[in-house]
Amino acid sequence: MTKTQTIATLAEKTELTKAQVATFLDELATLSYTEAKNGFTLPGIGKLVLVNRAARVGRNPATGESINIPAKTVVKFRMAKACKEAVLSA
């Protein structure tokens, strides 16, 4: 679904205006960005977490040359068990 379709569907189901739903989704996204470092959970859907990746040696696919890939922190989304079961059983 696109953002517009999501907003329209949620507006119908909650009897809110599309503007109210759009504002809510924007605020939810902003909150999740700022709180991801602490672990941001959407109950029944999943959790945003920061994961530290170790440094490693990779390969340049064009030349086959070995390159060093530095350690870094990445954002991961971990699906909730209830979400996995609901999606996979459908």
PDB file of N, CA and C in Angstrom:
ATOM      1  N   MET A   1       0.840  -1.188   0.000  1.00  0.00           N
ATOM      2  CA  MET A   1       0.000   0.000   0.000  1.00  0.00           C
ATOM      3  C   MET A   1       0.883   1.247   0.000  1.00  0.00           C
ATOM      4  N   THR A   2       0.410   2.262  -0.663  1.00  0.00           N
ATOM      5  CA  THR A   2       1.101   3.546  -0.625  1.00  0.00           C
ATOM      6  C   THR A   2       0.694   4.296   0.637  1.00  0.00           C
ATOM      7  N   LYS A   3       1.402   5.374   0.918  1.00  0.00           N
ATOM      8  CA  LYS A   3       1.056   6.177   2.095  1.00  0.00           C
ATOM      9  C   LYS A   3      -0.359   6.740   1.962  1.00  0.00           C
ATOM     10  N   THR A   4      -0.724   7.185   0.768  1.00  0.00           N
ATOM     11  CA  THR A   4      -2.059   7.741   0.540  1.00  0.00           C
ATOM     12  C   THR A   4      -3.142   6.686   0.774  1.00  0.00           C
ATOM     13  N   GLN A   5      -2.907   5.479   0.292  1.00  0.00           N
ATOM     14  CA  GLN A   5      -3.875   4.397   0.495  1.00  0.00           C
ATOM     15  C   GLN A   5      -3.979   4.029   1.974  1.00  0.00           C
ATOM     16  N   THR A   6      -2.853   4.009   2.658  1.00  0.00           N
ATOM     17  CA  THR A   6      -2.850   3.706   4.091  1.00  0.00           C
ATOM     18  C   THR A   6      -3.638   4.755   4.856  1.00  0.00           C
ATOM     19  N   ILE A   7      -3.402   6.024   4.530  1.00  0.00           N
ATOM     20  CA  ILE A   7      -4.111   7.123   5.197  1.00  0.00           C
ATOM     21  C   ILE A   7      -5.610   7.016   4.939  1.00  0.00           C
ATOM     22  N   ALA A   8      -6.014   6.749   3.708  1.00  0.00           N
ATOM     23  CA  ALA A   8      -7.433   6.641   3.369  1.00  0.00           C
ATOM     24  C   ALA A   8      -8.091   5.482   4.113  1.00  0.00           C
ATOM     25  N   THR A   9      -7.418   4.341   4.166  1.00  0.00           N
ATOM     26  CA  THR A   9      -7.978   3.173   4.854  1.00  0.00           C
ATOM     27  C   THR A   9      -8.125   3.426   6.346  1.00  0.00           C
ATOM     28  N   LEU A  10      -7.080   3.998   6.959  1.00  0.00           N
ATOM     29  CA  LEU A  10      -7.153   4.277   8.393  1.00  0.00           C
ATOM     30  C   LEU A  10      -8.203   5.345   8.703  1.00  0.00           C
ATOM     31  N   ALA A  11      -8.353   6.318   7.831  1.00  0.00           N
ATOM     32  CA  ALA A  11      -9.364   7.365   8.037  1.00  0.00           C
ATOM     33  C   ALA A  11     -10.765   6.766   8.021  1.00  0.00           C
ATOM     34  N   GLU A  12     -11.017   5.832   7.099  1.00  0.00           N
ATOM     35  CA  GLU A  12     -12.332   5.169   7.035  1.00  0.00           C
ATOM     36  C   GLU A  12     -12.606   4.356   8.295  1.00  0.00           C
ATOM     37  N   LYS A  13     -11.605   3.583   8.715  1.00  0.00           N
ATOM     38  CA  LYS A  13     -11.815   2.666   9.841  1.00  0.00           C
ATOM     39  C   LYS A  13     -11.903   3.379  11.189  1.00  0.00           C
ATOM     40  N   THR A  14     -11.220   4.513  11.336  1.00  0.00           N
ATOM     41  CA  THR A  14     -11.192   5.205  12.627  1.00  0.00           C
ATOM     42  C   THR A  14     -12.139   6.394  12.692  1.00  0.00           C
ATOM     43  N   GLU A  15     -12.759   6.734  11.569  1.00  0.00           N
ATOM     44  CA  GLU A  15     -13.660   7.886  11.472  1.00  0.00           C
ATOM     45  C   GLU A  15     -12.955   9.200  11.794  1.00  0.00           C
ATOM     46  N   LEU A  16     -11.655   9.258  11.504  1.00  0.00           N
ATOM     47  CA  LEU A  16     -10.884  10.491  11.608  1.00  0.00           C
ATOM     48  C   LEU A  16     -10.731  11.068  10.202  1.00  0.00           C
ATOM     49  N   THR A  17     -10.326  12.327  10.134  1.00  0.00           N
ATOM     50  CA  THR A  17     -10.088  12.904   8.816  1.00  0.00           C
ATOM     51  C   THR A  17      -8.751  12.400   8.284  1.00  0.00           C
ATOM     52  N   LYS A  18      -8.589  12.501   6.975  1.00  0.00           N
ATOM     53  CA  LYS A  18      -7.322  12.089   6.372  1.00  0.00           C
ATOM     54  C   LYS A  18      -6.173  12.948   6.887  1.00  0.00           C
ATOM     55  N   ALA A  19      -6.429  14.221   7.131  1.00  0.00           N
ATOM     56  CA  ALA A  19      -5.390  15.118   7.652  1.00  0.00           C
ATOM     57  C   ALA A  19      -4.942  14.689   9.044  1.00  0.00           C
ATOM     58  N   GLN A  20      -5.898  14.292   9.890  1.00  0.00           N
ATOM     59  CA  GLN A  20      -5.563  13.840  11.239  1.00  0.00           C
ATOM     60  C   GLN A  20      -4.728  12.560  11.191  1.00  0.00           C
ATOM     61  N   VAL A  21      -5.114  11.629  10.317  1.00  0.00           N
ATOM     62  CA  VAL A  21      -4.383  10.375  10.195  1.00  0.00           C
ATOM     63  C   VAL A  21      -2.971  10.639   9.656  1.00  0.00           C
ATOM     64  N   ALA A  22      -2.850  11.528   8.660  1.00  0.00           N
ATOM     65  CA  ALA A  22      -1.543  11.852   8.102  1.00  0.00           C
ATOM     66  C   ALA A  22      -0.645  12.474   9.158  1.00  0.00           C
ATOM     67  N   THR A  23      -1.184  13.371   9.964  1.00  0.00           N
ATOM     68  CA  THR A  23      -0.413  13.997  11.038  1.00  0.00           C
ATOM     69  C   THR A  23       0.037  12.948  12.047  1.00  0.00           C
ATOM     70  N   PHE A  24      -0.857  12.040  12.404  1.00  0.00           N
ATOM     71  CA  PHE A  24      -0.515  10.977  13.344  1.00  0.00           C
ATOM     72  C   PHE A  24       0.624  10.113  12.801  1.00  0.00           C
ATOM     73  N   LEU A  25       0.535   9.704  11.540  1.00  0.00           N
ATOM     74  CA  LEU A  25       1.583   8.864  10.965  1.00  0.00           C
ATOM     75  C   LEU A  25       2.922   9.593  10.907  1.00  0.00           C
ATOM     76  N   ASP A  26       2.894  10.872  10.571  1.00  0.00           N
ATOM     77  CA  ASP A  26       4.128  11.657  10.537  1.00  0.00           C
ATOM     78  C   ASP A  26       4.747  11.767  11.926  1.00  0.00           C
ATOM     79  N   GLU A  27       3.915  12.004  12.932  1.00  0.00           N
ATOM     80  CA  GLU A  27       4.414  12.104  14.307  1.00  0.00           C
ATOM     81  C   GLU A  27       4.928  10.757  14.809  1.00  0.00           C
ATOM     82  N   LEU A  28       4.271   9.670  14.426  1.00  0.00           N
ATOM     83  CA  LEU A  28       4.723   8.329  14.803  1.00  0.00           C
ATOM     84  C   LEU A  28       6.089   8.048  14.188  1.00  0.00           C
ATOM     85  N   ALA A  29       6.280   8.426  12.930  1.00  0.00           N
ATOM     86  CA  ALA A  29       7.571   8.231  12.271  1.00  0.00           C
ATOM     87  C   ALA A  29       8.653   9.046  12.962  1.00  0.00           C
ATOM     88  N   THR A  30       8.363  10.297  13.272  1.00  0.00           N
ATOM     89  CA  THR A  30       9.336  11.159  13.943  1.00  0.00           C
ATOM     90  C   THR A  30       9.709  10.588  15.309  1.00  0.00           C
ATOM     91  N   LEU A  31       8.723  10.139  16.054  1.00  0.00           N
ATOM     92  CA  LEU A  31       8.971   9.544  17.363  1.00  0.00           C
ATOM     93  C   LEU A  31       9.826   8.287  17.238  1.00  0.00           C
ATOM     94  N   SER A  32       9.539   7.450  16.255  1.00  0.00           N
ATOM     95  CA  SER A  32      10.311   6.219  16.083  1.00  0.00           C
ATOM     96  C   SER A  32      11.758   6.514  15.720  1.00  0.00           C
ATOM     97  N   TYR A  33      12.010   7.575  14.924  1.00  0.00           N
ATOM     98  CA  TYR A  33      13.384   7.948  14.568  1.00  0.00           C
ATOM     99  C   TYR A  33      14.163   8.384  15.796  1.00  0.00           C
ATOM    100  N   THR A  34      13.538   9.181  16.656  1.00  0.00           N
ATOM    101  CA  THR A  34      14.253   9.699  17.815  1.00  0.00           C
ATOM    102  C   THR A  34      14.440   8.647  18.908  1.00  0.00           C
ATOM    103  N   GLU A  35      13.527   7.698  18.988  1.00  0.00           N
ATOM    104  CA  GLU A  35      13.588   6.692  20.051  1.00  0.00           C
ATOM    105  C   GLU A  35      14.212   5.372  19.622  1.00  0.00           C
ATOM    106  N   ALA A  36      14.632   5.236  18.382  1.00  0.00           N
ATOM    107  CA  ALA A  36      15.202   3.973  17.893  1.00  0.00           C
ATOM    108  C   ALA A  36      16.433   3.569  18.702  1.00  0.00           C
ATOM    109  N   LYS A  37      17.210   4.551  19.158  1.00  0.00           N
ATOM    110  CA  LYS A  37      18.413   4.229  19.925  1.00  0.00           C
ATOM    111  C   LYS A  37      18.077   3.531  21.239  1.00  0.00           C
ATOM    112  N   ASN A  38      16.873   3.742  21.761  1.00  0.00           N
ATOM    113  CA  ASN A  38      16.437   3.095  23.002  1.00  0.00           C
ATOM    114  C   ASN A  38      15.620   1.838  22.732  1.00  0.00           C
ATOM    115  N   GLY A  39      15.313   1.570  21.477  1.00  0.00           N
ATOM    116  CA  GLY A  39      14.452   0.451  21.116  1.00  0.00           C
ATOM    117  C   GLY A  39      13.011   0.926  21.070  1.00  0.00           C
ATOM    118  N   PHE A  40      12.474   1.133  19.884  1.00  0.00           N
ATOM    119  CA  PHE A  40      11.110   1.646  19.720  1.00  0.00           C
ATOM    120  C   PHE A  40      10.201   0.492  19.329  1.00  0.00           C
ATOM    121  N   THR A  41       9.187   0.209  20.149  1.00  0.00           N
ATOM    122  CA  THR A  41       8.304  -0.926  19.918  1.00  0.00           C
ATOM    123  C   THR A  41       6.931  -0.471  19.464  1.00  0.00           C
ATOM    124  N   LEU A  42       6.442  -1.105  18.394  1.00  0.00           N
ATOM    125  CA  LEU A  42       5.047  -0.975  17.979  1.00  0.00           C
ATOM    126  C   LEU A  42       4.381  -2.286  18.368  1.00  0.00           C
ATOM    127  N   PRO A  43       3.595  -2.309  19.444  1.00  0.00           N
ATOM    128  CA  PRO A  43       3.030  -3.566  19.933  1.00  0.00           C
ATOM    129  C   PRO A  43       2.271  -4.319  18.848  1.00  0.00           C
ATOM    130  N   GLY A  44       2.583  -5.602  18.729  1.00  0.00           N
ATOM    131  CA  GLY A  44       1.927  -6.460  17.751  1.00  0.00           C
ATOM    132  C   GLY A  44       2.516  -6.374  16.357  1.00  0.00           C
ATOM    133  N   ILE A  45       3.439  -5.433  16.123  1.00  0.00           N
ATOM    134  CA  ILE A  45       4.047  -5.279  14.797  1.00  0.00           C
ATOM    135  C   ILE A  45       5.540  -5.582  14.845  1.00  0.00           C
ATOM    136  N   GLY A  46       6.272  -4.889  15.709  1.00  0.00           N
ATOM    137  CA  GLY A  46       7.696  -5.149  15.798  1.00  0.00           C
ATOM    138  C   GLY A  46       8.429  -4.072  16.558  1.00  0.00           C
ATOM    139  N   LYS A  47       9.766  -4.110  16.429  1.00  0.00           N
ATOM    140  CA  LYS A  47      10.601  -3.219  17.213  1.00  0.00           C
ATOM    141  C   LYS A  47      11.771  -2.725  16.369  1.00  0.00           C
ATOM    142  N   LEU A  48      12.051  -1.415  16.453  1.00  0.00           N
ATOM    143  CA  LEU A  48      13.245  -0.828  15.838  1.00  0.00           C
ATOM    144  C   LEU A  48      14.370  -0.895  16.852  1.00  0.00           C
ATOM    145  N   VAL A  49      15.518  -1.430  16.455  1.00  0.00           N
ATOM    146  CA  VAL A  49      16.662  -1.527  17.352  1.00  0.00           C
ATOM    147  C   VAL A  49      17.936  -1.138  16.607  1.00  0.00           C
ATOM    148  N   LEU A  50      18.939  -0.673  17.350  1.00  0.00           N
ATOM    149  CA  LEU A  50      20.254  -0.413  16.783  1.00  0.00           C
ATOM    150  C   LEU A  50      21.120  -1.649  16.991  1.00  0.00           C
ATOM    151  N   VAL A  51      21.858  -2.031  15.949  1.00  0.00           N
ATOM    152  CA  VAL A  51      22.719  -3.204  16.000  1.00  0.00           C
ATOM    153  C   VAL A  51      24.125  -2.785  15.582  1.00  0.00           C
ATOM    154  N   ASN A  52      25.114  -3.209  16.343  1.00  0.00           N
ATOM    155  CA  ASN A  52      26.511  -2.925  15.998  1.00  0.00           C
ATOM    156  C   ASN A  52      27.037  -4.030  15.096  1.00  0.00           C
ATOM    157  N   ARG A  53      27.522  -3.639  13.920  1.00  0.00           N
ATOM    158  CA  ARG A  53      28.131  -4.601  13.000  1.00  0.00           C
ATOM    159  C   ARG A  53      29.645  -4.537  13.168  1.00  0.00           C
ATOM    160  N   ALA A  54      30.283  -5.691  13.215  1.00  0.00           N
ATOM    161  CA  ALA A  54      31.734  -5.757  13.370  1.00  0.00           C
ATOM    162  C   ALA A  54      32.418  -5.419  12.044  1.00  0.00           C
ATOM    163  N   ALA A  55      33.669  -5.010  12.129  1.00  0.00           N
ATOM    164  CA  ALA A  55      34.459  -4.781  10.927  1.00  0.00           C
ATOM    165  C   ALA A  55      34.689  -6.128  10.248  1.00  0.00           C
ATOM    166  N   ARG A  56      34.811  -6.105   8.916  1.00  0.00           N
ATOM    167  CA  ARG A  56      35.015  -7.360   8.196  1.00  0.00           C
ATOM    168  C   ARG A  56      35.733  -7.082   6.879  1.00  0.00           C
ATOM    169  N   VAL A  57      36.158  -8.166   6.255  1.00  0.00           N
ATOM    170  CA  VAL A  57      36.817  -8.060   4.954  1.00  0.00           C
ATOM    171  C   VAL A  57      35.802  -8.464   3.896  1.00  0.00           C
ATOM    172  N   GLY A  58      35.654  -7.613   2.886  1.00  0.00           N
ATOM    173  CA  GLY A  58      34.744  -7.905   1.790  1.00  0.00           C
ATOM    174  C   GLY A  58      35.499  -7.955   0.478  1.00  0.00           C
ATOM    175  N   ARG A  59      34.784  -8.129  -0.621  1.00  0.00           N
ATOM    176  CA  ARG A  59      35.408  -8.175  -1.941  1.00  0.00           C
ATOM    177  C   ARG A  59      34.734  -7.198  -2.870  1.00  0.00           C
ATOM    178  N   ASN A  60      35.547  -6.525  -3.665  1.00  0.00           N
ATOM    179  CA  ASN A  60      35.033  -5.686  -4.728  1.00  0.00           C
ATOM    180  C   ASN A  60      34.561  -6.639  -5.833  1.00  0.00           C
ATOM    181  N   PRO A  61      33.267  -6.657  -6.168  1.00  0.00           N
ATOM    182  CA  PRO A  61      32.772  -7.631  -7.147  1.00  0.00           C
ATOM    183  C   PRO A  61      33.331  -7.414  -8.554  1.00  0.00           C
ATOM    184  N   ALA A  62      33.730  -6.191  -8.871  1.00  0.00           N
ATOM    185  CA  ALA A  62      34.245  -5.916 -10.212  1.00  0.00           C
ATOM    186  C   ALA A  62      35.676  -6.421 -10.388  1.00  0.00           C
ATOM    187  N   THR A  63      36.501  -6.227  -9.354  1.00  0.00           N
ATOM    188  CA  THR A  63      37.920  -6.574  -9.486  1.00  0.00           C
ATOM    189  C   THR A  63      38.324  -7.795  -8.680  1.00  0.00           C
ATOM    190  N   GLY A  64      37.517  -8.190  -7.714  1.00  0.00           N
ATOM    191  CA  GLY A  64      37.873  -9.311  -6.851  1.00  0.00           C
ATOM    192  C   GLY A  64      38.839  -8.921  -5.743  1.00  0.00           C
ATOM    193  N   GLU A  65      39.187  -7.642  -5.674  1.00  0.00           N
ATOM    194  CA  GLU A  65      40.127  -7.142  -4.674  1.00  0.00           C
ATOM    195  C   GLU A  65      39.486  -7.153  -3.281  1.00  0.00           C
ATOM    196  N   SER A  66      40.261  -7.530  -2.270  1.00  0.00           N
ATOM    197  CA  SER A  66      39.775  -7.507  -0.887  1.00  0.00           C
ATOM    198  C   SER A  66      39.747  -6.070  -0.383  1.00  0.00           C
ATOM    199  N   ILE A  67      38.686  -5.737   0.341  1.00  0.00           N
ATOM    200  CA  ILE A  67      38.579  -4.411   0.939  1.00  0.00           C
ATOM    201  C   ILE A  67      38.158  -4.567   2.392  1.00  0.00           C
ATOM    202  N   ASN A  68      38.589  -3.637   3.213  1.00  0.00           N
ATOM    203  CA  ASN A  68      38.199  -3.642   4.627  1.00  0.00           C
ATOM    204  C   ASN A  68      36.927  -2.828   4.792  1.00  0.00           C
ATOM    205  N   ILE A  69      35.912  -3.434   5.389  1.00  0.00           N
ATOM    206  CA  ILE A  69      34.649  -2.756   5.658  1.00  0.00           C
ATOM    207  C   ILE A  69      34.653  -2.409   7.147  1.00  0.00           C
ATOM    208  N   PRO A  70      34.564  -1.125   7.494  1.00  0.00           N
ATOM    209  CA  PRO A  70      34.672  -0.724   8.903  1.00  0.00           C
ATOM    210  C   PRO A  70      33.427  -1.126   9.712  1.00  0.00           C
ATOM    211  N   ALA A  71      33.601  -1.175  11.018  1.00  0.00           N
ATOM    212  CA  ALA A  71      32.476  -1.437  11.921  1.00  0.00           C
ATOM    213  C   ALA A  71      31.512  -0.268  11.840  1.00  0.00           C
ATOM    214  N   LYS A  72      30.218  -0.558  12.013  1.00  0.00           N
ATOM    215  CA  LYS A  72      29.219   0.507  11.988  1.00  0.00           C
ATOM    216  C   LYS A  72      27.976   0.077  12.742  1.00  0.00           C
ATOM    217  N   THR A  73      27.139   1.053  13.043  1.00  0.00           N
ATOM    218  CA  THR A  73      25.862   0.810  13.706  1.00  0.00           C
ATOM    219  C   THR A  73      24.762   0.959  12.670  1.00  0.00           C
ATOM    220  N   VAL A  74      23.837  -0.011  12.639  1.00  0.00           N
ATOM    221  CA  VAL A  74      22.734   0.022  11.680  1.00  0.00           C
ATOM    222  C   VAL A  74      21.403  -0.096  12.411  1.00  0.00           C
ATOM    223  N   VAL A  75      20.338   0.336  11.761  1.00  0.00           N
ATOM    224  CA  VAL A  75      18.988   0.213  12.311  1.00  0.00           C
ATOM    225  C   VAL A  75      18.355  -1.054  11.734  1.00  0.00           C
ATOM    226  N   LYS A  76      17.783  -1.876  12.603  1.00  0.00           N
ATOM    227  CA  LYS A  76      17.098  -3.104  12.186  1.00  0.00           C
ATOM    228  C   LYS A  76      15.665  -3.059  12.691  1.00  0.00           C
ATOM    229  N   PHE A  77      14.782  -3.721  11.956  1.00  0.00           N
ATOM    230  CA  PHE A  77      13.406  -3.874  12.411  1.00  0.00           C
ATOM    231  C   PHE A  77      13.165  -5.342  12.669  1.00  0.00           C
ATOM    232  N   ARG A  78      12.807  -5.662  13.900  1.00  0.00           N
ATOM    233  CA  ARG A  78      12.534  -7.054  14.281  1.00  0.00           C
ATOM    234  C   ARG A  78      11.023  -7.238  14.347  1.00  0.00           C
ATOM    235  N   MET A  79      10.531  -8.135  13.532  1.00  0.00           N
ATOM    236  CA  MET A  79       9.095  -8.404  13.482  1.00  0.00           C
ATOM    237  C   MET A  79       8.646  -9.102  14.763  1.00  0.00           C
ATOM    238  N   ALA A  80       7.467  -8.745  15.237  1.00  0.00           N
ATOM    239  CA  ALA A  80       6.885  -9.393  16.411  1.00  0.00           C
ATOM    240  C   ALA A  80       6.375 -10.778  16.013  1.00  0.00           C
ATOM    241  N   LYS A  81       6.386 -11.687  16.958  1.00  0.00           N
ATOM    242  CA  LYS A  81       5.935 -13.050  16.700  1.00  0.00           C
ATOM    243  C   LYS A  81       4.489 -13.056  16.210  1.00  0.00           C
ATOM    244  N   ALA A  82       3.629 -12.247  16.819  1.00  0.00           N
ATOM    245  CA  ALA A  82       2.225 -12.189  16.428  1.00  0.00           C
ATOM    246  C   ALA A  82       2.078 -11.726  14.976  1.00  0.00           C
ATOM    247  N   CYS A  83       2.925 -10.799  14.554  1.00  0.00           N
ATOM    248  CA  CYS A  83       2.887 -10.295  13.183  1.00  0.00           C
ATOM    249  C   CYS A  83       3.316 -11.381  12.207  1.00  0.00           C
ATOM    250  N   LYS A  84       4.392 -12.085  12.519  1.00  0.00           N
ATOM    251  CA  LYS A  84       4.869 -13.173  11.659  1.00  0.00           C
ATOM    252  C   LYS A  84       3.791 -14.228  11.482  1.00  0.00           C
ATOM    253  N   GLU A  85       3.175 -14.625  12.600  1.00  0.00           N
ATOM    254  CA  GLU A  85       2.146 -15.673  12.536  1.00  0.00           C
ATOM    255  C   GLU A  85       0.939 -15.217  11.727  1.00  0.00           C
ATOM    256  N   ALA A  86       0.532 -13.962  11.898  1.00  0.00           N
ATOM    257  CA  ALA A  86      -0.637 -13.441  11.179  1.00  0.00           C
ATOM    258  C   ALA A  86      -0.371 -13.375   9.671  1.00  0.00           C
ATOM    259  N   VAL A  87       0.817 -12.950   9.291  1.00  0.00           N
ATOM    260  CA  VAL A  87       1.152 -12.807   7.872  1.00  0.00           C
ATOM    261  C   VAL A  87       1.376 -14.167   7.222  1.00  0.00           C
ATOM    262  N   LEU A  88       2.118 -15.040   7.884  1.00  0.00           N
ATOM    263  CA  LEU A  88       2.461 -16.311   7.286  1.00  0.00           C
ATOM    264  C   LEU A  88       1.310 -17.304   7.252  1.00  0.00           C
ATOM    265  N   SER A  89       0.337 -17.158   8.140  1.00  0.00           N
ATOM    266  CA  SER A  89      -0.795 -18.092   8.142  1.00  0.00           C
ATOM    267  C   SER A  89      -1.886 -17.661   7.170  1.00  0.00           C
ATOM    268  N   ALA A  90      -1.830 -16.416   6.686  1.00  0.00           N
ATOM    269  CA  ALA A  90      -2.868 -15.913   5.779  1.00  0.00           C
ATOM    270  C   ALA A  90      -2.711 -16.458   4.379  1.00  0.00           C
TER     271      ALA A  90
END
